[in-house]
Amino acid sequence: MVLRRLLVTSGLTFRILESPRPADSHAPTVVLVHGIGMSHRYLSRLHDVLAATTRVVSVDLPGFGGLPKPRFDVSIPQMAAGLAQAIASLDDDRVVLVGHSMGVQWAAETALRHPEYVRAVVPIGPVVDDEHRSLGAQARALALDTLGETPSINTVVFTDYLRCGVRWYLRQARHMLAYPLEGRIAALTMPVLVVRGSEDPIAGRAWCRRLRDAAAMSRLVEIPGHHHVAQQSAPRAVASAILAHTAGAWPTVVPTASARRGRTPSAS
């Protein structure tokens, strides 16, 4: 059963979709945040897999998924402030905050500004690296990724883009392209688990390793043979990685750079 409600804060409307915690579960609450142009629909398979084990919440952000578009521009810090209110409404000690694509930026900013709500951050397919810091580069990478995704995933992606609309997409894309994710990841005080599909042309391996190495406590997991929307094409593998790597406390000792470089790509 998925419980749905709206939360309105500072002129922003969020949709919260929650699957309650199973009676025998002790796993942390997982909060899923979609990327630019998207909605909870391309997180649905990951949501369902996680819901068998723990409490899981998907959040639709203002202007996406058919929600009202704000009458004003919304920066990443403003969106993060609203997302923090949505997380606070869950009445949980601290959550595992999972973001996909641009959702990583909103999640990272939320965790940075409100660490009291977040026990771990999970960037999936994080954007953007220096090679994709333009609309043209993003469009080319997205087109390449489309060739590797399933028809059902592409249908969800493009119908959500249509619901989002060009104007709101471009407003948010301007913030996405300018956001200094690597520096923000480096400032986080909680563990960071970076996840990518091994064939993702948008969030490349070198870039994800840079994010892993920037974080104080970090791991990198690659899902073999999958692309940018790995959470929908390989939900069990992604869910397993999230639950396995956020189940307990991580060491407080920061690994050396050389030790990090020696990790294997699949689970490093």
Protein backbone atom coordinates (compact mmCIF):
# COMPACT_ATOMS: atom_id res chain seq x y z
CA MET A 1 0.00 0.00 0.00
CA VAL A 2 1.33 3.42 -0.98
CA LEU A 3 0.11 6.45 0.98
CA ARG A 4 0.00 9.72 -0.95
CA ARG A 5 -0.14 13.28 0.34
CA LEU A 6 0.82 16.78 -0.70
CA LEU A 7 3.03 19.12 1.29
CA VAL A 8 3.01 22.86 0.53
CA THR A 9 5.82 25.00 1.91
CA SER A 10 7.05 28.45 0.86
CA GLY A 11 4.87 28.35 -2.25
CA LEU A 12 6.24 24.95 -3.34
CA THR A 13 4.10 21.83 -3.67
CA PHE A 14 5.68 18.43 -3.01
CA ARG A 15 4.03 15.03 -3.47
CA ILE A 16 5.01 12.35 -0.95
CA LEU A 17 4.41 8.66 -1.72
CA GLU A 18 5.13 6.40 1.24
CA SER A 19 5.20 2.65 1.71
CA PRO A 20 5.09 1.93 5.46
CA ARG A 21 7.84 -0.05 7.17
CA PRO A 22 7.21 -3.83 7.32
CA ALA A 23 6.52 -5.02 10.85
CA ASP A 24 9.77 -6.98 11.22
CA SER A 25 12.07 -4.43 9.53
CA HIS A 26 14.87 -2.55 11.24
CA ALA A 27 16.34 -1.02 8.08
CA PRO A 28 16.48 2.77 7.78
CA THR A 29 13.85 4.80 5.94
CA VAL A 30 14.90 5.38 2.32
CA VAL A 31 13.84 8.59 0.56
CA LEU A 32 14.00 8.63 -3.26
CA VAL A 33 14.41 11.89 -5.24
CA HIS A 34 13.96 11.99 -9.02
CA GLY A 35 16.02 13.99 -11.50
CA ILE A 36 15.24 16.92 -13.79
CA GLY A 37 12.08 16.54 -15.87
CA MET A 38 11.11 13.33 -14.12
CA SER A 39 8.84 12.01 -11.35
CA HIS A 40 8.51 9.05 -9.00
CA ARG A 41 7.41 6.90 -11.96
CA TYR A 42 10.95 6.00 -13.03
CA LEU A 43 11.78 5.19 -9.40
CA SER A 44 8.75 2.93 -9.01
CA ARG A 45 10.47 -0.43 -9.43
CA LEU A 46 13.21 0.50 -6.95
CA HIS A 47 10.54 1.81 -4.58
CA ASP A 48 8.62 -1.47 -4.77
CA VAL A 49 11.70 -3.64 -4.18
CA LEU A 50 12.82 -1.56 -1.20
CA ALA A 51 9.28 -1.54 0.24
CA ALA A 52 9.49 -5.29 0.84
CA THR A 53 12.29 -4.63 3.33
CA THR A 54 11.93 -1.14 4.75
CA ARG A 55 9.95 2.08 4.85
CA VAL A 56 10.45 3.88 1.54
CA VAL A 57 9.32 7.32 0.41
CA SER A 58 9.38 8.77 -3.10
CA VAL A 59 9.15 12.56 -3.39
CA ASP A 60 7.89 14.43 -6.46
CA LEU A 61 9.37 17.93 -6.57
CA PRO A 62 7.51 21.14 -7.50
CA GLY A 63 6.83 21.56 -11.23
CA PHE A 64 7.48 17.88 -11.99
CA GLY A 65 5.17 14.89 -12.25
CA GLY A 66 2.15 17.09 -12.95
CA LEU A 67 2.59 19.20 -9.82
CA PRO A 68 1.99 22.97 -10.02
CA LYS A 69 4.91 24.91 -11.44
CA PRO A 70 6.12 27.66 -9.09
CA ARG A 71 5.57 31.21 -10.32
CA PHE A 72 9.17 32.03 -9.43
CA ASP A 73 12.54 30.54 -10.20
CA VAL A 74 13.60 27.91 -7.64
CA SER A 75 17.29 27.55 -6.92
CA ILE A 76 18.86 24.33 -5.70
CA PRO A 77 19.14 25.66 -2.10
CA GLN A 78 15.46 26.68 -2.19
CA MET A 79 14.42 23.27 -3.49
CA ALA A 80 16.61 21.64 -0.83
CA ALA A 81 14.92 23.69 1.89
CA GLY A 82 11.53 22.39 0.78
CA LEU A 83 12.82 18.83 0.48
CA ALA A 84 14.16 19.11 4.03
CA GLN A 85 10.66 20.03 5.19
CA ALA A 86 9.28 16.98 3.41
CA ILE A 87 11.85 14.77 5.14
CA ALA A 88 11.16 16.41 8.51
CA SER A 89 7.48 15.55 8.09
CA LEU A 90 8.39 11.84 8.09
CA ASP A 91 9.25 12.01 11.79
CA ASP A 92 12.27 9.74 11.43
CA ASP A 93 15.62 10.08 13.18
CA ARG A 94 17.67 10.11 9.98
CA VAL A 95 17.02 8.78 6.50
CA VAL A 96 19.05 7.35 3.64
CA LEU A 97 18.62 10.03 0.99
CA VAL A 98 18.82 8.69 -2.57
CA GLY A 99 18.97 11.00 -5.57
CA HIS A 100 19.14 10.18 -9.28
CA SER A 101 20.78 12.42 -11.89
CA MET A 102 19.95 16.05 -10.94
CA GLY A 103 18.19 14.57 -7.91
CA VAL A 104 21.70 13.98 -6.58
CA GLN A 105 22.22 17.74 -6.46
CA TRP A 106 19.00 18.37 -4.55
CA ALA A 107 19.80 15.48 -2.19
CA ALA A 108 23.39 16.61 -1.59
CA GLU A 109 22.33 20.19 -0.86
CA THR A 110 19.64 18.97 1.54
CA ALA A 111 22.10 16.75 3.39
CA LEU A 112 24.67 19.53 3.56
CA ARG A 113 22.24 22.06 4.99
CA HIS A 114 20.29 19.64 7.20
CA PRO A 115 22.62 16.81 8.27
CA GLU A 116 20.37 16.12 11.26
CA TYR A 117 17.87 14.50 8.87
CA VAL A 118 20.27 12.35 6.84
CA ARG A 119 22.38 9.33 7.83
CA ALA A 120 23.72 8.55 4.32
CA VAL A 121 23.54 9.97 0.79
CA VAL A 122 23.26 7.73 -2.29
CA PRO A 123 23.96 9.46 -5.62
CA ILE A 124 22.78 7.35 -8.58
CA GLY A 125 24.00 8.51 -12.01
CA PRO A 126 25.18 11.89 -10.64
CA VAL A 127 25.46 14.99 -12.86
CA VAL A 128 27.22 16.97 -14.17
CA ASP A 129 30.90 16.52 -14.97
CA ASP A 130 33.03 19.06 -16.86
CA GLU A 131 32.50 17.29 -20.21
CA HIS A 132 28.70 17.66 -19.98
CA ARG A 133 28.35 21.18 -18.60
CA SER A 134 26.19 22.45 -21.48
CA LEU A 135 22.70 21.71 -22.80
CA GLY A 136 24.16 20.35 -26.02
CA ALA A 137 26.43 17.91 -24.23
CA GLN A 138 23.57 16.80 -21.99
CA ALA A 139 21.30 16.27 -25.00
CA ARG A 140 23.91 14.18 -26.81
CA ALA A 141 24.56 12.01 -23.74
CA LEU A 142 20.83 11.57 -23.15
CA ALA A 143 20.28 10.54 -26.78
CA LEU A 144 23.08 7.98 -26.48
CA ASP A 145 21.64 6.65 -23.25
CA THR A 146 18.20 6.29 -24.83
CA LEU A 147 19.62 3.70 -27.23
CA GLY A 148 20.55 1.47 -24.30
CA GLU A 149 17.42 1.82 -22.17
CA THR A 150 14.33 -0.39 -22.53
CA PRO A 151 11.28 0.91 -24.45
CA SER A 152 9.26 1.02 -21.24
CA ILE A 153 11.86 3.21 -19.52
CA ASN A 154 12.10 5.52 -22.52
CA THR A 155 8.31 5.87 -22.55
CA VAL A 156 8.27 6.95 -18.91
CA VAL A 157 11.17 9.36 -19.43
CA PHE A 158 9.71 11.13 -22.45
CA THR A 159 6.15 11.35 -21.13
CA ASP A 160 7.49 12.86 -17.91
CA TYR A 161 9.53 15.35 -19.95
CA LEU A 162 6.33 16.37 -21.75
CA ARG A 163 4.53 16.87 -18.44
CA CYS A 164 7.41 18.96 -17.15
CA GLY A 165 7.46 21.26 -20.19
CA VAL A 166 10.33 23.08 -21.85
CA ARG A 167 10.18 26.29 -19.81
CA TRP A 168 10.42 24.67 -16.37
CA TYR A 169 13.01 22.18 -17.62
CA LEU A 170 15.27 24.95 -18.90
CA ARG A 171 14.90 26.97 -15.71
CA GLN A 172 16.11 24.03 -13.67
CA ALA A 173 18.74 22.98 -16.22
CA ARG A 174 20.48 26.32 -15.72
CA HIS A 175 20.93 25.50 -12.03
CA MET A 176 21.92 21.91 -12.80
CA LEU A 177 24.73 22.91 -15.15
CA ALA A 178 26.18 25.43 -12.68
CA TYR A 179 25.99 23.35 -9.50
CA PRO A 180 29.44 22.44 -8.03
CA LEU A 181 28.55 18.89 -7.02
CA GLU A 182 32.09 17.67 -6.37
CA GLY A 183 32.73 20.41 -3.82
CA ARG A 184 29.38 19.87 -2.14
CA ILE A 185 29.98 16.11 -1.88
CA ALA A 186 33.37 16.84 -0.32
CA ALA A 187 31.67 18.91 2.40
CA LEU A 188 29.24 16.18 3.48
CA THR A 189 29.79 14.68 6.93
CA MET A 190 27.84 11.45 6.37
CA PRO A 191 28.72 8.38 4.26
CA VAL A 192 28.23 8.62 0.49
CA LEU A 193 27.47 5.62 -1.70
CA VAL A 194 27.88 6.42 -5.42
CA VAL A 195 25.98 4.09 -7.78
CA ARG A 196 26.13 4.03 -11.57
CA GLY A 197 25.28 1.69 -14.42
CA SER A 198 28.51 0.50 -16.01
CA GLU A 199 27.26 1.66 -19.44
CA ASP A 200 25.99 5.08 -18.31
CA PRO A 201 27.14 7.74 -20.84
CA ILE A 202 25.88 10.60 -18.64
CA ALA A 203 27.59 9.76 -15.34
CA GLY A 204 30.92 8.33 -16.46
CA ARG A 205 33.21 6.09 -14.42
CA ALA A 206 35.99 8.64 -14.02
CA TRP A 207 33.53 11.27 -12.81
CA CYS A 208 31.91 8.90 -10.30
CA ARG A 209 35.32 7.92 -9.00
CA ARG A 210 36.12 11.61 -8.53
CA LEU A 211 32.99 12.02 -6.45
CA ARG A 212 33.83 8.92 -4.43
CA ASP A 213 37.32 10.23 -3.77
CA ALA A 214 36.04 13.71 -2.86
CA ALA A 215 33.80 12.42 -0.06
CA ALA A 216 35.09 11.88 3.45
CA MET A 217 33.50 8.41 3.70
CA SER A 218 32.58 6.82 0.40
CA ARG A 219 32.06 3.75 -1.73
CA LEU A 220 31.33 3.23 -5.42
CA VAL A 221 29.13 0.47 -6.84
CA GLU A 222 28.65 -0.16 -10.55
CA ILE A 223 25.72 -2.16 -11.92
CA PRO A 224 27.17 -4.20 -14.82
CA GLY A 225 25.51 -3.81 -18.22
CA HIS A 226 23.06 -1.08 -17.23
CA HIS A 227 22.72 2.55 -18.24
CA HIS A 228 21.67 5.86 -16.67
CA VAL A 229 18.31 4.68 -15.34
CA ALA A 230 19.79 1.66 -13.55
CA GLN A 231 17.36 2.04 -10.64
CA GLN A 232 14.50 1.12 -13.01
CA SER A 233 16.28 -1.41 -15.22
CA ALA A 234 18.06 -3.21 -12.34
CA PRO A 235 16.02 -2.36 -9.22
CA ARG A 236 17.04 -5.42 -7.21
CA ALA A 237 20.74 -4.81 -7.72
CA VAL A 238 20.43 -1.13 -6.82
CA ALA A 239 18.23 -1.87 -3.80
CA SER A 240 20.68 -4.52 -2.62
CA ALA A 241 23.56 -2.05 -2.88
CA ILE A 242 21.65 0.63 -0.96
CA LEU A 243 20.61 -1.71 1.86
CA ALA A 244 23.97 -3.49 2.11
CA HIS A 245 26.05 -0.31 2.22
CA THR A 246 23.83 1.76 4.53
CA ALA A 247 22.80 -0.92 7.04
CA GLY A 248 25.38 -0.05 9.70
CA ALA A 249 27.77 2.64 10.78
CA TRP A 250 30.76 3.23 8.53
CA PRO A 251 34.31 3.61 9.84
CA THR A 252 35.11 7.14 10.96
CA VAL A 253 38.68 6.85 9.67
CA VAL A 254 38.98 8.46 6.23
CA PRO A 255 40.76 6.14 3.75
CA THR A 256 43.84 7.48 2.05
CA ALA A 257 43.64 8.52 -1.60
CA SER A 258 45.87 5.62 -2.63
CA ALA A 259 43.66 3.14 -0.79
CA ARG A 260 40.60 4.52 -2.56
CA ARG A 261 42.23 4.20 -5.95
CA GLY A 262 42.90 0.55 -5.25
CA ARG A 263 39.24 -0.42 -4.91
CA THR A 264 37.51 -2.56 -7.50
CA PRO A 265 35.02 -0.84 -9.86
CA SER A 266 32.03 -3.03 -9.03
CA ALA A 267 32.00 -2.41 -5.28
CA SER A 268 34.66 0.06 -4.31
